[in-house]
């Protein structure tokens, strides 16, 4: 929500360079959120691959 308000105010004040920079940051943030969400879903569905506290079993 905050990014939308910032973007609108940057366009209104004619700071298009900053508007584009915030836009690229928003795209990077959105991609990071999607990828981390997919990672969390995978972990929830399939577990952590048989590890205990992130340490694989002996002999692997």
N, C-alpha and C. Protein backbone atom coordinates (compact mmCIF):
# COMPACT_ATOMS: atom_id res chain seq x y z
N UNK A 1 0.82 -1.19 0.00
CA UNK A 1 0.00 0.00 0.00
C UNK A 1 0.87 1.26 0.00
N UNK A 2 1.92 1.22 0.80
CA UNK A 2 2.80 2.38 0.90
C UNK A 2 3.49 2.65 -0.44
N UNK A 3 3.91 1.60 -1.13
CA UNK A 3 4.58 1.80 -2.42
C UNK A 3 3.65 2.46 -3.44
N UNK A 4 2.37 2.12 -3.40
CA UNK A 4 1.41 2.74 -4.32
C UNK A 4 1.30 4.24 -4.05
N UNK A 5 1.24 4.61 -2.80
CA UNK A 5 1.16 6.03 -2.45
C UNK A 5 2.43 6.76 -2.85
N UNK A 6 3.57 6.13 -2.59
CA UNK A 6 4.86 6.75 -2.97
C UNK A 6 4.94 6.92 -4.48
N UNK A 7 4.54 5.87 -5.22
CA UNK A 7 4.60 5.95 -6.68
C UNK A 7 3.72 7.09 -7.21
N UNK A 8 2.52 7.19 -6.68
CA UNK A 8 1.61 8.25 -7.14
C UNK A 8 2.17 9.63 -6.82
N UNK A 9 2.75 9.79 -5.63
CA UNK A 9 3.30 11.11 -5.28
C UNK A 9 4.52 11.45 -6.12
N UNK A 10 5.32 10.45 -6.48
CA UNK A 10 6.48 10.71 -7.33
C UNK A 10 6.06 11.16 -8.73
N UNK A 11 5.03 10.54 -9.27
CA UNK A 11 4.53 10.96 -10.59
C UNK A 11 3.93 12.36 -10.51
N UNK A 12 3.17 12.62 -9.45
CA UNK A 12 2.54 13.93 -9.30
C UNK A 12 3.58 15.04 -9.21
N UNK A 13 4.69 14.75 -8.51
CA UNK A 13 5.73 15.77 -8.36
C UNK A 13 6.73 15.75 -9.52
N UNK A 14 6.44 14.95 -10.55
CA UNK A 14 7.24 14.89 -11.78
C UNK A 14 8.66 14.37 -11.55
N UNK A 15 8.81 13.44 -10.64
CA UNK A 15 10.10 12.80 -10.39
C UNK A 15 10.09 11.41 -11.02
N UNK A 16 10.05 11.39 -12.34
CA UNK A 16 9.91 10.12 -13.06
C UNK A 16 11.11 9.19 -12.87
N UNK A 17 12.29 9.74 -12.72
CA UNK A 17 13.49 8.92 -12.51
C UNK A 17 13.35 8.12 -11.21
N UNK A 18 12.90 8.78 -10.16
CA UNK A 18 12.72 8.11 -8.87
C UNK A 18 11.55 7.14 -8.93
N UNK A 19 10.51 7.52 -9.69
CA UNK A 19 9.35 6.64 -9.87
C UNK A 19 9.78 5.31 -10.50
N UNK A 20 10.64 5.39 -11.51
CA UNK A 20 11.13 4.16 -12.16
C UNK A 20 12.00 3.35 -11.21
N UNK A 21 12.84 4.01 -10.43
CA UNK A 21 13.70 3.29 -9.48
C UNK A 21 12.87 2.54 -8.44
N UNK A 22 11.85 3.21 -7.91
CA UNK A 22 10.96 2.55 -6.95
C UNK A 22 10.20 1.42 -7.63
N UNK A 23 9.84 1.61 -8.88
CA UNK A 23 9.15 0.56 -9.64
C UNK A 23 10.01 -0.68 -9.81
N UNK A 24 11.27 -0.50 -10.15
CA UNK A 24 12.18 -1.65 -10.28
C UNK A 24 12.39 -2.35 -8.94
N UNK A 25 12.48 -1.57 -7.88
CA UNK A 25 12.58 -2.15 -6.53
C UNK A 25 11.33 -2.96 -6.21
N UNK A 26 10.17 -2.44 -6.58
CA UNK A 26 8.91 -3.14 -6.33
C UNK A 26 8.87 -4.47 -7.07
N UNK A 27 9.34 -4.49 -8.30
CA UNK A 27 9.38 -5.74 -9.07
C UNK A 27 10.29 -6.76 -8.41
N UNK A 28 11.44 -6.31 -7.95
CA UNK A 28 12.37 -7.20 -7.26
C UNK A 28 11.76 -7.73 -5.96
N UNK A 29 11.11 -6.86 -5.23
CA UNK A 29 10.46 -7.26 -3.98
C UNK A 29 9.35 -8.27 -4.25
N UNK A 30 8.54 -8.02 -5.28
CA UNK A 30 7.45 -8.94 -5.61
C UNK A 30 7.98 -10.31 -6.00
N UNK A 31 9.03 -10.35 -6.81
CA UNK A 31 9.62 -11.63 -7.21
C UNK A 31 10.18 -12.38 -6.00
N UNK A 32 10.82 -11.66 -5.10
CA UNK A 32 11.36 -12.28 -3.89
C UNK A 32 10.25 -12.85 -3.02
N UNK A 33 9.15 -12.12 -2.89
CA UNK A 33 8.03 -12.60 -2.09
C UNK A 33 7.40 -13.85 -2.71
N UNK A 34 7.26 -13.87 -4.02
CA UNK A 34 6.68 -15.04 -4.69
C UNK A 34 7.59 -16.25 -4.51
N UNK A 35 8.88 -16.08 -4.74
CA UNK A 35 9.80 -17.21 -4.60
C UNK A 35 9.88 -17.72 -3.17
N UNK A 36 9.91 -16.82 -2.20
CA UNK A 36 9.96 -17.28 -0.82
C UNK A 36 8.65 -17.94 -0.42
N UNK A 37 7.54 -17.47 -0.94
CA UNK A 37 6.25 -18.11 -0.68
C UNK A 37 6.20 -19.52 -1.23
N UNK A 38 6.72 -19.70 -2.45
CA UNK A 38 6.78 -21.04 -3.04
C UNK A 38 7.67 -21.96 -2.22
N UNK A 39 8.77 -21.43 -1.72
CA UNK A 39 9.68 -22.22 -0.90
C UNK A 39 9.00 -22.65 0.40
N UNK A 40 8.25 -21.75 1.02
CA UNK A 40 7.53 -22.08 2.24
C UNK A 40 6.47 -23.15 1.98
N UNK A 41 5.74 -23.01 0.87
CA UNK A 41 4.73 -24.01 0.52
C UNK A 41 5.37 -25.37 0.31
N UNK A 42 6.48 -25.41 -0.40
CA UNK A 42 7.19 -26.66 -0.64
C UNK A 42 7.62 -27.29 0.69
N UNK A 43 8.15 -26.48 1.58
CA UNK A 43 8.58 -26.99 2.88
C UNK A 43 7.39 -27.51 3.68
N UNK A 44 6.28 -26.82 3.62
CA UNK A 44 5.10 -27.25 4.36
C UNK A 44 4.55 -28.57 3.81
N UNK A 45 4.55 -28.72 2.50
CA UNK A 45 3.97 -29.91 1.88
C UNK A 45 4.88 -31.13 1.97
N UNK A 46 6.15 -30.94 1.72
CA UNK A 46 7.06 -32.07 1.59
C UNK A 46 8.03 -32.21 2.76
N UNK A 47 7.96 -31.36 3.73
CA UNK A 47 8.88 -31.42 4.86
C UNK A 47 10.23 -30.88 4.47
N UNK A 48 11.20 -31.15 5.30
CA UNK A 48 12.53 -30.61 5.08
C UNK A 48 13.49 -31.64 4.50
N UNK A 49 12.97 -32.68 3.86
CA UNK A 49 13.82 -33.65 3.18
C UNK A 49 14.50 -34.65 4.10
N UNK A 50 13.93 -34.92 5.25
CA UNK A 50 14.50 -35.92 6.14
C UNK A 50 15.62 -35.43 7.01
N UNK A 51 15.77 -34.15 7.12
CA UNK A 51 16.84 -33.61 7.97
C UNK A 51 16.30 -33.30 9.35
N UNK A 52 17.19 -33.32 10.32
CA UNK A 52 16.84 -32.95 11.68
C UNK A 52 17.58 -31.66 11.98
N UNK A 53 16.83 -30.61 12.20
CA UNK A 53 17.42 -29.29 12.45
C UNK A 53 18.38 -28.87 11.33
N UNK A 54 18.06 -29.28 10.10
CA UNK A 54 18.88 -28.90 8.96
C UNK A 54 20.13 -29.73 8.79
N UNK A 55 20.34 -30.74 9.63
CA UNK A 55 21.52 -31.60 9.53
C UNK A 55 21.09 -32.93 8.93
N UNK A 56 21.66 -33.31 7.78
CA UNK A 56 21.25 -34.59 7.16
C UNK A 56 21.65 -35.78 8.02
N UNK A 57 20.94 -36.90 7.90
CA UNK A 57 21.29 -38.09 8.67
C UNK A 57 22.70 -38.58 8.36
N UNK A 58 23.34 -39.24 9.33
CA UNK A 58 24.68 -39.77 9.15
C UNK A 58 24.70 -40.79 8.03
N UNK A 59 25.75 -40.77 7.26
CA UNK A 59 25.90 -41.71 6.15
C UNK A 59 25.41 -41.17 4.82
N UNK A 60 24.87 -40.00 4.79
CA UNK A 60 24.41 -39.43 3.51
C UNK A 60 25.44 -38.51 2.95
